[in-house]
Structures are given as C-alpha cells and as structure tokens.
Protein backbone atom coordinates (compact mmCIF):
# COMPACT_ATOMS: atom_id res chain seq x y z
CA UNK A 1 -30.94 44.98 -20.29
CA UNK A 2 -27.49 43.79 -18.66
CA UNK A 3 -28.66 44.87 -15.30
CA UNK A 4 -31.82 42.42 -15.52
CA UNK A 5 -29.67 39.49 -16.61
CA UNK A 6 -27.47 40.13 -13.68
CA UNK A 7 -30.50 40.43 -11.42
CA UNK A 8 -31.72 37.17 -12.48
CA UNK A 9 -28.21 35.32 -12.21
CA UNK A 10 -27.92 36.84 -8.75
CA UNK A 11 -31.40 35.81 -7.54
CA UNK A 12 -30.88 32.12 -8.96
CA UNK A 13 -27.24 31.84 -7.08
CA UNK A 14 -28.94 33.08 -3.86
CA UNK A 15 -32.00 30.54 -4.21
CA UNK A 16 -29.46 27.88 -4.92
CA UNK A 17 -27.43 28.85 -1.97
CA UNK A 18 -30.11 29.07 0.69
CA UNK A 19 -32.62 26.23 -0.71
CA UNK A 20 -31.50 23.77 1.97
CA UNK A 21 -28.17 22.43 0.34
CA UNK A 22 -26.37 20.64 2.84
CA UNK A 23 -22.92 21.68 3.54
CA UNK A 24 -20.15 18.96 2.74
CA UNK A 25 -19.60 17.07 5.76
CA UNK A 26 -16.08 15.25 6.77
CA UNK A 27 -15.90 11.64 6.30
CA UNK A 28 -15.46 9.52 9.07
CA UNK A 29 -12.94 6.67 9.08
CA UNK A 30 -12.38 3.57 11.29
CA UNK A 31 -9.02 1.72 11.84
CA UNK A 32 -9.37 -1.96 10.79
CA UNK A 33 -5.73 -2.78 11.20
CA UNK A 34 -2.41 -1.36 12.57
CA UNK A 35 1.13 -2.29 13.16
CA UNK A 36 1.67 -3.24 9.64
CA UNK A 37 5.23 -2.76 8.06
CA UNK A 38 5.12 -0.91 4.76
CA UNK A 39 1.70 -2.12 3.62
CA UNK A 40 1.21 -2.48 -0.14
CA UNK A 41 -1.52 -4.35 -1.97
CA UNK A 42 -5.14 -5.01 -0.92
CA UNK A 43 -7.13 -7.76 -1.78
CA UNK A 44 -10.27 -9.43 -0.82
CA UNK A 45 -9.98 -13.16 -0.58
CA UNK A 46 -12.71 -15.80 -1.59
CA UNK A 47 -13.51 -15.79 2.16
CA UNK A 48 -14.57 -12.21 2.20
CA UNK A 49 -11.66 -11.19 4.40
CA UNK A 50 -9.21 -8.34 3.40
CA UNK A 51 -5.47 -9.45 2.66
CA UNK A 52 -2.86 -6.92 2.97
CA UNK A 53 0.73 -7.48 1.57
CA UNK A 54 3.74 -5.86 3.78
CA UNK A 55 6.79 -4.90 2.02
CA UNK A 56 8.55 -5.46 5.45
CA UNK A 57 11.52 -3.60 6.88
CA UNK A 58 14.55 -5.27 5.28
CA UNK A 59 17.18 -6.68 7.64
CA UNK A 60 20.74 -7.03 8.47
CA UNK A 61 21.60 -9.70 5.46
CA UNK A 62 23.51 -8.82 2.27
CA UNK A 63 23.01 -5.23 0.77
CA UNK A 64 22.81 -3.80 -2.60
CA UNK A 65 23.07 -0.03 -3.56
CA UNK A 66 19.87 1.85 -3.33
CA UNK A 67 18.78 3.03 -6.79
CA UNK A 68 16.72 6.07 -5.10
CA UNK A 69 19.02 7.17 -2.16
CA UNK A 70 22.72 8.16 -2.94
CA UNK A 71 25.31 6.47 -1.09
CA UNK A 72 22.77 4.17 0.71
CA UNK A 73 22.21 0.61 0.58
CA UNK A 74 19.13 -1.66 0.74
CA UNK A 75 19.78 -4.60 2.98
CA UNK A 76 17.95 -7.96 2.92
CA UNK A 77 15.85 -9.67 5.46
CA UNK A 78 12.89 -11.89 5.57
CA UNK A 79 10.46 -9.39 7.25
CA UNK A 80 8.11 -9.37 4.48
CA UNK A 81 4.42 -10.56 5.39
CA UNK A 82 0.72 -11.01 4.42
CA UNK A 83 -1.99 -10.15 6.92
CA UNK A 84 -5.44 -11.18 7.03
CA UNK A 85 -8.33 -8.89 8.26
CA UNK A 86 -11.73 -10.33 8.74
CA UNK A 87 -14.48 -10.64 11.26
CA UNK A 88 -12.75 -7.92 13.63
CA UNK A 89 -9.40 -9.66 13.85
CA UNK A 90 -5.93 -8.92 12.41
CA UNK A 91 -3.58 -11.64 11.80
CA UNK A 92 -0.24 -12.33 9.95
CA UNK A 93 -0.83 -15.66 8.10
CA UNK A 94 2.45 -15.63 6.23
CA UNK A 95 5.64 -14.37 7.46
CA UNK A 96 9.49 -14.77 6.51
CA UNK A 97 8.89 -13.19 3.01
CA UNK A 98 12.02 -11.57 1.55
CA UNK A 99 12.42 -7.70 1.87
CA UNK A 100 14.95 -4.91 1.00
CA UNK A 101 15.11 -1.77 2.73
CA UNK A 102 17.43 1.12 3.94
CA UNK A 103 18.83 0.58 7.38
CA UNK A 104 15.77 2.68 8.95
CA UNK A 105 13.27 0.53 7.33
CA UNK A 106 12.26 2.73 4.48
CA UNK A 107 12.83 2.58 0.70
CA UNK A 108 11.20 -0.88 0.88
CA UNK A 109 10.90 -3.62 -1.55
CA UNK A 110 9.38 -6.85 -1.04
CA UNK A 111 5.82 -8.10 -1.26
CA UNK A 112 3.63 -5.74 -3.19
CA UNK A 113 0.60 -7.38 -3.86
CA UNK A 114 -1.82 -10.35 -3.66
CA UNK A 115 -4.34 -11.90 -5.82
CA UNK A 116 -6.53 -15.02 -5.80
CA UNK A 117 -7.10 -17.19 -8.94
CA UNK A 118 -10.66 -18.63 -9.61
CA UNK A 119 -9.86 -21.70 -7.51
CA UNK A 120 -8.94 -19.57 -4.45
CA UNK A 121 -4.97 -20.21 -4.97
CA UNK A 122 -3.29 -16.98 -3.79
CA UNK A 123 -0.42 -15.40 -5.89
CA UNK A 124 2.08 -12.83 -4.39
CA UNK A 125 4.12 -10.27 -6.40
CA UNK A 126 7.44 -9.80 -4.69
CA UNK A 127 9.34 -6.63 -5.89
CA UNK A 128 13.07 -6.10 -6.33
CA UNK A 129 13.92 -2.41 -6.15
CA UNK A 130 17.13 -2.25 -7.23
CA UNK A 131 19.80 -2.90 -10.20
CA UNK A 132 19.31 -6.36 -11.48
CA UNK A 133 23.03 -6.86 -11.83
CA UNK A 134 23.21 -6.59 -8.01
CA UNK A 135 20.65 -9.57 -7.48
CA UNK A 136 23.30 -12.17 -7.21
CA UNK A 137 24.86 -10.40 -4.12
CA UNK A 138 21.88 -11.20 -2.14
CA UNK A 139 21.74 -15.00 -2.89
CA UNK A 140 18.96 -17.03 -3.85
CA UNK A 141 15.91 -15.11 -2.80
CA UNK A 142 12.38 -14.60 -4.28
CA UNK A 143 12.84 -10.91 -4.80
CA UNK A 144 11.51 -9.74 -8.06
CA UNK A 145 9.23 -12.82 -8.81
C-alpha cells in the first residue's frame, strides 16, 4: 500500500514539474536617478513626480560625538537636499538642508522623509542622530525637526 502512495505522489510531482511551469525569471530594473547623497525617503507628490530626500554628507562645521562609531565625530554641513524625479528628468529642487556625517560622508543624519498634505504642501522630517545634550554645540539648526 505504501508503494502505491509513493508512486502516486512521485507521478504527481513529475506532472507538476513538467507541465509547462515557467522557471522564475530575473527581474529587470532601470536606473531613474543617480548621484544622490545618502537617499532616504521616497514619496510621490501631487504632480505625480517622485520626491527623494537626501541626508547629505555632513560638512566641515561643528562636530558632535557619533553614537554609533566609537571615537568618531559627526560634523555639520548644509549638504541635505530634496530631489524631484519626473518626466525623465532629475533635479535637486531644495538644497542647503542640514546634515551630520562622519568625515567620509557616512553615518549620516539629515532629511529623512518628505510627505505632502491634502493641499500639496510638503513636509520634511530632518533627523538628528546623536545625543540631544550635544545639540547646542551645533548652533541653531533644523536637525531633529
């Protein structure tokens, strides 16, 4: 009896395997934007364009201790941005936003996301990836707002 069940199971597997099932195909991708500095959030705007927040690469301004890399500092700059992608074009539409990063431009905080309200007004969340007690060291910035 067990041999009969095995035979039926084996035959079923063979039929499924050879019944014209397509092998999985690799997906194809197209690059729609490049040259972004630490891209973060993506949102489609009311105009149908894709908006990308870029956390930037920090800068040569005041520095605070990095919470994630021992004995390193995150330094302030205004390299954060928002890029608009639509109709086959890519354009930075907002620049000069606050950014914190290690000297090599990694471990970045800055513009994290963008959303639009019902009237089409954009709102940008700007991160601050360090101990809040050091915020005053950076001066009056929009980090963490």
